[in-house]
Amino acid sequence: MPLVPELPESSELPQQLELPERDSSPGDLSERDRAVLDFEGAWWLYPEPKDRAVKEYLGISATRYYQALRRLVDDDAALRYAPLTIRRLRRIRLAREQQAAARLGGDGLG
């Protein structure tokens, strides 16, 4: 079974796309946290802009979505549930921190 579902023709798009299967033992993650991680792992499959897809498929605002992601990046249960997604988000965060430190003339080590 592929990790990422294939998109049907645009005329056949369902109301809600199926998200990839994940670890069945979520640990301390809520259903919403798992949905946020599933969506982040496959958001590019949705036919509309990301912020609109967040509202439509998750039923939360983009602000709440990004707040949840920031909290989940450092959560060990999230890392166990969606390791590729969490590691990607950590790399992005580290790169942004290093860029900010470079702009400020610091070494980025604290």
C-alpha atoms as a PDB file:
ATOM      1  CA  MET A   1       0.000   0.000   0.000  1.00  0.00           C
ATOM      2  CA  PRO A   2       1.500   3.372  -0.957  1.00  0.00           C
ATOM      3  CA  LEU A   3       2.196   5.812   1.860  1.00  0.00           C
ATOM      4  CA  VAL A   4       0.601   8.683  -0.046  1.00  0.00           C
ATOM      5  CA  PRO A   5      -2.804   8.260  -1.688  1.00  0.00           C
ATOM      6  CA  GLU A   6      -3.134   8.986  -5.387  1.00  0.00           C
ATOM      7  CA  LEU A   7      -5.314  11.912  -6.395  1.00  0.00           C
ATOM      8  CA  PRO A   8      -8.315  11.091  -8.581  1.00  0.00           C
ATOM      9  CA  GLU A   9      -9.237  13.209 -11.580  1.00  0.00           C
ATOM     10  CA  SER A  10     -10.397  16.665 -10.461  1.00  0.00           C
ATOM     11  CA  SER A  11     -14.000  15.857 -11.423  1.00  0.00           C
ATOM     12  CA  GLU A  12     -13.879  12.808  -9.138  1.00  0.00           C
ATOM     13  CA  LEU A  13     -12.406  14.479  -6.047  1.00  0.00           C
ATOM     14  CA  PRO A  14     -14.190  13.307  -2.906  1.00  0.00           C
ATOM     15  CA  GLN A  15     -15.370  15.705  -0.251  1.00  0.00           C
ATOM     16  CA  GLN A  16     -12.495  14.553   1.948  1.00  0.00           C
ATOM     17  CA  LEU A  17      -9.316  12.762   0.846  1.00  0.00           C
ATOM     18  CA  GLU A  18      -8.048   9.714   2.702  1.00  0.00           C
ATOM     19  CA  LEU A  19      -4.852  10.330   4.644  1.00  0.00           C
ATOM     20  CA  PRO A  20      -1.999   7.817   4.784  1.00  0.00           C
ATOM     21  CA  GLU A  21      -2.043   5.062   7.372  1.00  0.00           C
ATOM     22  CA  ARG A  22       0.156   5.659  10.423  1.00  0.00           C
ATOM     23  CA  ASP A  23       1.293   3.844  13.533  1.00  0.00           C
ATOM     24  CA  SER A  24      -1.792   2.436  15.237  1.00  0.00           C
ATOM     25  CA  SER A  25      -0.420   3.115  18.737  1.00  0.00           C
ATOM     26  CA  PRO A  26      -0.655   6.903  19.017  1.00  0.00           C
ATOM     27  CA  GLY A  27       0.574   7.161  22.607  1.00  0.00           C
ATOM     28  CA  ASP A  28      -0.372  10.482  24.146  1.00  0.00           C
ATOM     29  CA  LEU A  29      -1.560  12.139  20.934  1.00  0.00           C
ATOM     30  CA  SER A  30      -5.126  13.289  20.599  1.00  0.00           C
ATOM     31  CA  GLU A  31      -7.173  12.520  17.526  1.00  0.00           C
ATOM     32  CA  ARG A  32      -6.746  16.148  16.436  1.00  0.00           C
ATOM     33  CA  ASP A  33      -2.954  15.945  16.854  1.00  0.00           C
ATOM     34  CA  ARG A  34      -2.875  12.814  14.705  1.00  0.00           C
ATOM     35  CA  ALA A  35      -5.059  14.505  12.081  1.00  0.00           C
ATOM     36  CA  VAL A  36      -2.742  17.553  12.051  1.00  0.00           C
ATOM     37  CA  LEU A  37       0.313  15.320  11.560  1.00  0.00           C
ATOM     38  CA  ASP A  38      -1.407  13.270   8.866  1.00  0.00           C
ATOM     39  CA  PHE A  39      -2.420  16.439   7.041  1.00  0.00           C
ATOM     40  CA  GLU A  40       1.070  17.973   7.310  1.00  0.00           C
ATOM     41  CA  GLY A  41       2.534  14.791   5.873  1.00  0.00           C
ATOM     42  CA  ALA A  42       0.354  14.985   2.758  1.00  0.00           C
ATOM     43  CA  TRP A  43      -0.978  18.548   2.428  1.00  0.00           C
ATOM     44  CA  TRP A  44       0.359  19.008  -1.099  1.00  0.00           C
ATOM     45  CA  LEU A  45      -2.174  16.402  -2.299  1.00  0.00           C
ATOM     46  CA  TYR A  46      -5.070  18.725  -1.584  1.00  0.00           C
ATOM     47  CA  PRO A  47      -6.391  20.695  -4.555  1.00  0.00           C
ATOM     48  CA  GLU A  48      -6.570  24.082  -2.814  1.00  0.00           C
ATOM     49  CA  PRO A  49      -4.138  26.382  -0.981  1.00  0.00           C
ATOM     50  CA  LYS A  50      -2.867  24.964   2.299  1.00  0.00           C
ATOM     51  CA  ASP A  51      -4.620  27.427   4.617  1.00  0.00           C
ATOM     52  CA  ARG A  52      -7.970  26.784   2.928  1.00  0.00           C
ATOM     53  CA  ALA A  53      -7.404  23.006   3.005  1.00  0.00           C
ATOM     54  CA  VAL A  54      -6.638  23.194   6.743  1.00  0.00           C
ATOM     55  CA  LYS A  55      -9.981  24.867   7.376  1.00  0.00           C
ATOM     56  CA  GLU A  56     -11.914  22.551   5.072  1.00  0.00           C
ATOM     57  CA  TYR A  57     -10.402  19.191   6.008  1.00  0.00           C
ATOM     58  CA  LEU A  58      -9.440  19.727   9.650  1.00  0.00           C
ATOM     59  CA  GLY A  59     -12.077  22.268  10.641  1.00  0.00           C
ATOM     60  CA  ILE A  60      -9.607  24.551  12.421  1.00  0.00           C
ATOM     61  CA  SER A  61      -8.061  27.886  11.522  1.00  0.00           C
ATOM     62  CA  ALA A  62      -4.595  28.078   9.985  1.00  0.00           C
ATOM     63  CA  THR A  63      -3.411  29.831  13.162  1.00  0.00           C
ATOM     64  CA  ARG A  64      -4.535  26.914  15.376  1.00  0.00           C
ATOM     65  CA  TYR A  65      -3.008  24.462  12.898  1.00  0.00           C
ATOM     66  CA  TYR A  66       0.431  26.094  13.032  1.00  0.00           C
ATOM     67  CA  GLN A  67       0.221  26.428  16.818  1.00  0.00           C
ATOM     68  CA  ALA A  68      -0.467  22.687  17.041  1.00  0.00           C
ATOM     69  CA  LEU A  69       2.444  21.927  14.687  1.00  0.00           C
ATOM     70  CA  ARG A  70       4.853  24.047  16.738  1.00  0.00           C
ATOM     71  CA  ARG A  71       3.812  22.184  19.875  1.00  0.00           C
ATOM     72  CA  LEU A  72       4.048  18.768  18.195  1.00  0.00           C
ATOM     73  CA  VAL A  73       7.563  19.318  16.770  1.00  0.00           C
ATOM     74  CA  ASP A  74       9.085  18.648  20.201  1.00  0.00           C
ATOM     75  CA  ASP A  75       6.639  15.916  21.254  1.00  0.00           C
ATOM     76  CA  ASP A  76       8.157  12.406  21.494  1.00  0.00           C
ATOM     77  CA  ALA A  77       4.769  10.776  20.824  1.00  0.00           C
ATOM     78  CA  ALA A  78       4.488  12.822  17.621  1.00  0.00           C
ATOM     79  CA  LEU A  79       7.971  11.694  16.598  1.00  0.00           C
ATOM     80  CA  ARG A  80       6.953   8.055  17.089  1.00  0.00           C
ATOM     81  CA  TYR A  81       3.691   8.580  15.178  1.00  0.00           C
ATOM     82  CA  ALA A  82       5.042  10.555  12.198  1.00  0.00           C
ATOM     83  CA  PRO A  83       8.854  10.446  12.255  1.00  0.00           C
ATOM     84  CA  LEU A  84       9.422  11.738   8.705  1.00  0.00           C
ATOM     85  CA  THR A  85       7.091  14.671   9.172  1.00  0.00           C
ATOM     86  CA  ILE A  86       8.512  15.652  12.569  1.00  0.00           C
ATOM     87  CA  ARG A  87      12.117  15.341  11.398  1.00  0.00           C
ATOM     88  CA  ARG A  88      11.338  17.500   8.341  1.00  0.00           C
ATOM     89  CA  LEU A  89       9.726  20.151  10.541  1.00  0.00           C
ATOM     90  CA  ARG A  90      12.707  20.088  12.909  1.00  0.00           C
ATOM     91  CA  ARG A  91      15.129  20.572   9.993  1.00  0.00           C
ATOM     92  CA  ILE A  92      13.071  23.513   8.723  1.00  0.00           C
ATOM     93  CA  ARG A  93      12.991  25.067  12.188  1.00  0.00           C
ATOM     94  CA  LEU A  94      16.750  24.629  12.670  1.00  0.00           C
ATOM     95  CA  ALA A  95      17.492  26.185   9.260  1.00  0.00           C
ATOM     96  CA  ARG A  96      15.307  29.188  10.094  1.00  0.00           C
ATOM     97  CA  GLU A  97      16.978  29.608  13.483  1.00  0.00           C
ATOM     98  CA  GLN A  98      20.407  29.485  11.846  1.00  0.00           C
ATOM     99  CA  GLN A  99      19.362  32.042   9.217  1.00  0.00           C
ATOM    100  CA  ALA A 100      18.047  34.374  11.911  1.00  0.00           C
ATOM    101  CA  ALA A 101      21.263  33.999  13.931  1.00  0.00           C
ATOM    102  CA  ALA A 102      23.340  34.729  10.837  1.00  0.00           C
ATOM    103  CA  ARG A 103      21.333  37.893  10.143  1.00  0.00           C
ATOM    104  CA  LEU A 104      21.910  39.028  13.715  1.00  0.00           C
ATOM    105  CA  GLY A 105      25.607  38.212  13.544  1.00  0.00           C
ATOM    106  CA  GLY A 106      25.425  35.457  16.129  1.00  0.00           C
ATOM    107  CA  ASP A 107      26.716  31.928  15.930  1.00  0.00           C
ATOM    108  CA  GLY A 108      23.261  30.356  16.508  1.00  0.00           C
ATOM    109  CA  LEU A 109      24.420  28.381  19.527  1.00  0.00           C
ATOM    110  CA  GLY A 110      22.405  30.127  22.145  1.00  0.00           C
END
